[in-house]
């Protein structure tokens, strides 16, 4: 039980420290710009491997489906249309 409480404390402290410190620190503009793109980079790193394994023997289908999603997103389509457009593209590509 002591080990579990110790592990919880050790994990909690590094997560709580930034909550109390970040608003007091003034970062340079270049660092703020870099920190702003981290969520997008992490999301891309999590999604991209799955895109290539939609159909393992045909990875190009997932890649083309993701290109459709990017295309819809560039034109600022609603998220529902982005998901539907990419899904329909993948479905149509699997028919051929």
N, C-alpha and C. Protein backbone atom coordinates (compact mmCIF):
# COMPACT_ATOMS: atom_id res chain seq x y z
N UNK A 1 0.82 -1.20 0.00
CA UNK A 1 0.00 0.00 0.00
C UNK A 1 0.86 1.26 0.00
N UNK A 2 1.95 1.22 0.74
CA UNK A 2 2.85 2.37 0.80
C UNK A 2 3.47 2.62 -0.57
N UNK A 3 3.78 1.55 -1.30
CA UNK A 3 4.37 1.70 -2.63
C UNK A 3 3.38 2.38 -3.57
N UNK A 4 2.12 2.01 -3.50
CA UNK A 4 1.10 2.60 -4.37
C UNK A 4 0.94 4.09 -4.06
N UNK A 5 0.90 4.45 -2.81
CA UNK A 5 0.78 5.85 -2.42
C UNK A 5 2.01 6.62 -2.86
N UNK A 6 3.19 6.03 -2.70
CA UNK A 6 4.42 6.67 -3.14
C UNK A 6 4.44 6.88 -4.65
N UNK A 7 4.00 5.89 -5.39
CA UNK A 7 3.96 6.02 -6.85
C UNK A 7 2.95 7.09 -7.27
N UNK A 8 1.82 7.16 -6.58
CA UNK A 8 0.82 8.18 -6.89
C UNK A 8 1.39 9.57 -6.61
N UNK A 9 2.10 9.73 -5.53
CA UNK A 9 2.71 11.02 -5.18
C UNK A 9 3.76 11.42 -6.21
N UNK A 10 4.61 10.47 -6.58
CA UNK A 10 5.69 10.75 -7.53
C UNK A 10 5.11 11.15 -8.89
N UNK A 11 3.98 10.58 -9.27
CA UNK A 11 3.38 10.93 -10.57
C UNK A 11 2.59 12.23 -10.47
N UNK A 12 2.01 12.50 -9.32
CA UNK A 12 1.17 13.67 -9.16
C UNK A 12 1.99 14.96 -9.09
N UNK A 13 3.12 14.94 -8.43
CA UNK A 13 3.92 16.15 -8.22
C UNK A 13 4.35 16.79 -9.54
N UNK A 14 4.94 16.05 -10.49
CA UNK A 14 5.33 16.71 -11.74
C UNK A 14 4.14 17.24 -12.55
N UNK A 15 2.96 16.72 -12.32
CA UNK A 15 1.78 17.22 -13.04
C UNK A 15 1.19 18.45 -12.36
N UNK A 16 1.35 18.57 -11.08
CA UNK A 16 0.78 19.72 -10.36
C UNK A 16 1.70 20.94 -10.37
N UNK A 17 2.99 20.73 -10.41
CA UNK A 17 3.93 21.86 -10.39
C UNK A 17 3.65 22.86 -11.53
N UNK A 18 3.50 22.40 -12.78
CA UNK A 18 3.22 23.38 -13.85
C UNK A 18 1.93 24.16 -13.66
N UNK A 19 0.96 23.58 -12.99
CA UNK A 19 -0.32 24.28 -12.78
C UNK A 19 -0.10 25.56 -11.99
N UNK A 20 0.80 25.52 -11.03
CA UNK A 20 1.04 26.69 -10.17
C UNK A 20 2.13 27.60 -10.69
N UNK A 21 2.97 27.12 -11.60
CA UNK A 21 4.12 27.90 -12.05
C UNK A 21 3.90 28.56 -13.41
N UNK A 22 3.20 27.90 -14.32
CA UNK A 22 3.13 28.36 -15.71
C UNK A 22 2.56 29.77 -15.84
N UNK A 23 1.55 30.11 -15.08
CA UNK A 23 0.96 31.45 -15.22
C UNK A 23 1.86 32.56 -14.70
N UNK A 24 2.88 32.22 -13.93
CA UNK A 24 3.81 33.22 -13.40
C UNK A 24 5.03 33.42 -14.29
N UNK A 25 5.27 32.51 -15.23
CA UNK A 25 6.44 32.59 -16.10
C UNK A 25 6.04 33.21 -17.43
N UNK A 26 6.85 34.13 -17.93
CA UNK A 26 6.63 34.75 -19.23
C UNK A 26 7.60 34.12 -20.23
N UNK A 27 7.06 33.34 -21.18
CA UNK A 27 7.89 32.69 -22.17
C UNK A 27 8.11 33.60 -23.37
N UNK A 28 9.24 33.44 -24.07
CA UNK A 28 9.44 34.22 -25.31
C UNK A 28 8.44 33.78 -26.37
N UNK A 29 8.20 34.65 -27.34
CA UNK A 29 7.22 34.36 -28.38
C UNK A 29 7.56 33.11 -29.18
N UNK A 30 8.85 32.88 -29.46
CA UNK A 30 9.23 31.70 -30.26
C UNK A 30 8.92 30.43 -29.49
N UNK A 31 9.07 30.45 -28.17
CA UNK A 31 8.78 29.27 -27.37
C UNK A 31 7.27 29.04 -27.27
N UNK A 32 6.50 30.12 -27.15
CA UNK A 32 5.04 29.97 -27.14
C UNK A 32 4.54 29.38 -28.46
N UNK A 33 5.12 29.83 -29.57
CA UNK A 33 4.74 29.28 -30.87
C UNK A 33 5.05 27.80 -30.96
N UNK A 34 6.20 27.41 -30.42
CA UNK A 34 6.60 26.00 -30.44
C UNK A 34 5.69 25.17 -29.53
N UNK A 35 5.35 25.69 -28.38
CA UNK A 35 4.49 24.97 -27.44
C UNK A 35 3.06 24.84 -27.98
N UNK A 36 2.64 25.79 -28.80
CA UNK A 36 1.28 25.73 -29.36
C UNK A 36 1.10 24.59 -30.35
N UNK A 37 2.17 24.14 -31.01
CA UNK A 37 2.03 23.09 -32.02
C UNK A 37 2.24 21.68 -31.44
N UNK A 38 2.62 21.57 -30.21
CA UNK A 38 2.86 20.24 -29.62
C UNK A 38 1.60 19.37 -29.65
N UNK A 39 0.41 19.87 -29.30
CA UNK A 39 -0.77 18.98 -29.37
C UNK A 39 -1.02 18.45 -30.78
N UNK A 40 -0.81 19.27 -31.80
CA UNK A 40 -1.03 18.81 -33.17
C UNK A 40 0.01 17.77 -33.58
N UNK A 41 1.24 17.98 -33.16
CA UNK A 41 2.29 17.02 -33.48
C UNK A 41 2.03 15.69 -32.78
N UNK A 42 1.61 15.75 -31.53
CA UNK A 42 1.31 14.51 -30.80
C UNK A 42 0.12 13.80 -31.41
N UNK A 43 -0.90 14.54 -31.81
CA UNK A 43 -2.07 13.94 -32.44
C UNK A 43 -1.69 13.27 -33.76
N UNK A 44 -0.86 13.94 -34.54
CA UNK A 44 -0.40 13.35 -35.79
C UNK A 44 0.42 12.09 -35.56
N UNK A 45 1.25 12.11 -34.55
CA UNK A 45 2.07 10.93 -34.25
C UNK A 45 1.21 9.76 -33.78
N UNK A 46 0.11 10.04 -33.13
CA UNK A 46 -0.78 8.97 -32.67
C UNK A 46 -1.67 8.44 -33.79
N UNK A 47 -2.08 9.32 -34.71
CA UNK A 47 -3.02 8.92 -35.75
C UNK A 47 -2.33 8.29 -36.95
N UNK A 48 -1.19 8.81 -37.38
CA UNK A 48 -0.60 8.39 -38.65
C UNK A 48 -0.29 6.90 -38.74
N UNK A 49 0.25 6.26 -37.71
CA UNK A 49 0.48 4.80 -37.83
C UNK A 49 -0.82 4.03 -38.04
N UNK A 50 -1.90 4.46 -37.43
CA UNK A 50 -3.19 3.81 -37.62
C UNK A 50 -3.73 4.01 -39.02
N UNK A 51 -3.42 5.15 -39.62
CA UNK A 51 -3.87 5.42 -40.98
C UNK A 51 -3.27 4.40 -41.95
N UNK A 52 -2.01 4.07 -41.75
CA UNK A 52 -1.34 3.14 -42.66
C UNK A 52 -1.71 1.69 -42.41
N UNK A 53 -2.40 1.40 -41.33
CA UNK A 53 -2.76 0.01 -41.04
C UNK A 53 -4.26 -0.23 -41.11
N UNK A 54 -5.01 0.67 -41.76
CA UNK A 54 -6.45 0.47 -41.92
C UNK A 54 -6.70 -0.85 -42.62
N UNK A 55 -6.03 -1.04 -43.74
CA UNK A 55 -6.05 -2.31 -44.46
C UNK A 55 -4.57 -2.68 -44.65
N UNK A 56 -4.05 -3.58 -43.83
CA UNK A 56 -2.60 -3.83 -43.80
C UNK A 56 -1.98 -4.16 -45.16
N UNK A 57 -2.70 -4.89 -46.00
CA UNK A 57 -2.11 -5.24 -47.29
C UNK A 57 -2.21 -4.11 -48.31
N UNK A 58 -2.97 -3.06 -48.00
CA UNK A 58 -3.12 -1.90 -48.90
C UNK A 58 -2.99 -0.60 -48.09
N UNK A 59 -1.79 -0.25 -47.65
CA UNK A 59 -1.65 0.96 -46.83
C UNK A 59 -1.97 2.25 -47.58
N UNK A 60 -1.90 2.23 -48.88
CA UNK A 60 -2.18 3.44 -49.66
C UNK A 60 -3.64 3.88 -49.52
N UNK A 61 -4.54 2.95 -49.22
CA UNK A 61 -5.96 3.31 -49.06
C UNK A 61 -6.14 4.23 -47.85
N UNK A 62 -5.54 3.89 -46.75
CA UNK A 62 -5.62 4.75 -45.57
C UNK A 62 -4.96 6.09 -45.79
N UNK A 63 -3.85 6.08 -46.53
CA UNK A 63 -3.15 7.33 -46.81
C UNK A 63 -4.02 8.25 -47.67
N UNK A 64 -4.66 7.71 -48.70
CA UNK A 64 -5.53 8.52 -49.55
C UNK A 64 -6.75 9.00 -48.75
N UNK A 65 -7.29 8.16 -47.87
CA UNK A 65 -8.39 8.59 -47.01
C UNK A 65 -7.98 9.76 -46.12
N UNK A 66 -6.76 9.71 -45.60
CA UNK A 66 -6.28 10.82 -44.77
C UNK A 66 -6.08 12.08 -45.60
N UNK A 67 -5.68 11.93 -46.87
CA UNK A 67 -5.55 13.10 -47.74
C UNK A 67 -6.92 13.76 -47.98
N UNK A 68 -7.96 12.94 -48.12
CA UNK A 68 -9.30 13.50 -48.24
C UNK A 68 -9.67 14.27 -46.98
N UNK A 69 -9.35 13.72 -45.82
CA UNK A 69 -9.65 14.42 -44.56
C UNK A 69 -8.90 15.74 -44.48
N UNK A 70 -7.64 15.74 -44.88
CA UNK A 70 -6.86 16.99 -44.87
C UNK A 70 -7.47 18.00 -45.85
N UNK A 71 -7.87 17.52 -47.02
CA UNK A 71 -8.46 18.41 -48.02
C UNK A 71 -9.74 19.05 -47.49
N UNK A 72 -10.61 18.26 -46.88
CA UNK A 72 -11.83 18.81 -46.30
C UNK A 72 -11.50 19.80 -45.17
N UNK A 73 -10.48 19.48 -44.39
CA UNK A 73 -10.10 20.36 -43.27
C UNK A 73 -9.53 21.68 -43.77
N UNK A 74 -8.78 21.64 -44.87
CA UNK A 74 -8.22 22.88 -45.42
C UNK A 74 -9.34 23.83 -45.84
N UNK A 75 -10.43 23.27 -46.35
CA UNK A 75 -11.57 24.09 -46.73
C UNK A 75 -12.51 24.37 -45.57
N UNK A 76 -12.05 24.05 -44.37
CA UNK A 76 -12.76 24.34 -43.11
C UNK A 76 -14.16 23.74 -43.06
N UNK A 77 -14.25 22.50 -43.53
CA UNK A 77 -15.53 21.79 -43.45
C UNK A 77 -15.79 21.39 -42.00
N UNK A 78 -17.03 21.15 -41.70
CA UNK A 78 -17.43 20.68 -40.37
C UNK A 78 -16.78 19.31 -40.13
N UNK A 79 -16.47 19.00 -38.89
CA UNK A 79 -15.79 17.74 -38.55
C UNK A 79 -16.58 16.52 -39.01
N UNK A 80 -17.90 16.63 -39.01
CA UNK A 80 -18.73 15.50 -39.46
C UNK A 80 -18.47 15.22 -40.94
N UNK A 81 -18.36 16.29 -41.74
CA UNK A 81 -18.10 16.11 -43.16
C UNK A 81 -16.68 15.61 -43.41
N UNK A 82 -15.75 16.00 -42.57
CA UNK A 82 -14.37 15.52 -42.71
C UNK A 82 -14.34 14.01 -42.48
N UNK A 83 -14.95 13.56 -41.40
CA UNK A 83 -14.96 12.13 -41.08
C UNK A 83 -15.74 11.36 -42.14
N UNK A 84 -16.90 11.87 -42.54
CA UNK A 84 -17.70 11.19 -43.55
C UNK A 84 -16.97 11.14 -44.90
N UNK A 85 -16.36 12.24 -45.28
CA UNK A 85 -15.63 12.27 -46.55
C UNK A 85 -14.48 11.28 -46.59
N UNK A 86 -13.70 11.23 -45.52
CA UNK A 86 -12.58 10.28 -45.46
C UNK A 86 -13.09 8.85 -45.41
N UNK A 87 -14.16 8.62 -44.67
CA UNK A 87 -14.72 7.26 -44.58
C UNK A 87 -15.27 6.80 -45.92
N UNK A 88 -15.97 7.67 -46.62
CA UNK A 88 -16.51 7.31 -47.93
C UNK A 88 -15.38 7.06 -48.92
N UNK A 89 -14.33 7.87 -48.86
CA UNK A 89 -13.19 7.66 -49.75
C UNK A 89 -12.56 6.30 -49.51
N UNK A 90 -12.36 5.94 -48.25
CA UNK A 90 -11.77 4.64 -47.93
C UNK A 90 -12.70 3.52 -48.37
N UNK A 91 -13.99 3.68 -48.13
CA UNK A 91 -14.95 2.65 -48.54
C UNK A 91 -14.93 2.44 -50.05
N UNK A 92 -14.95 3.53 -50.80
CA UNK A 92 -14.93 3.42 -52.27
C UNK A 92 -13.63 2.81 -52.78
N UNK A 93 -12.53 3.14 -52.14
CA UNK A 93 -11.25 2.57 -52.55
C UNK A 93 -11.16 1.09 -52.24
N UNK A 94 -11.84 0.62 -51.20
CA UNK A 94 -11.80 -0.81 -50.89
C UNK A 94 -12.64 -1.63 -51.87
N UNK A 95 -13.55 -0.96 -52.59
CA UNK A 95 -14.35 -1.68 -53.58
C UNK A 95 -13.54 -2.04 -54.82
N UNK A 96 -12.45 -1.32 -55.06
CA UNK A 96 -11.65 -1.56 -56.27
C UNK A 96 -10.35 -2.24 -55.96
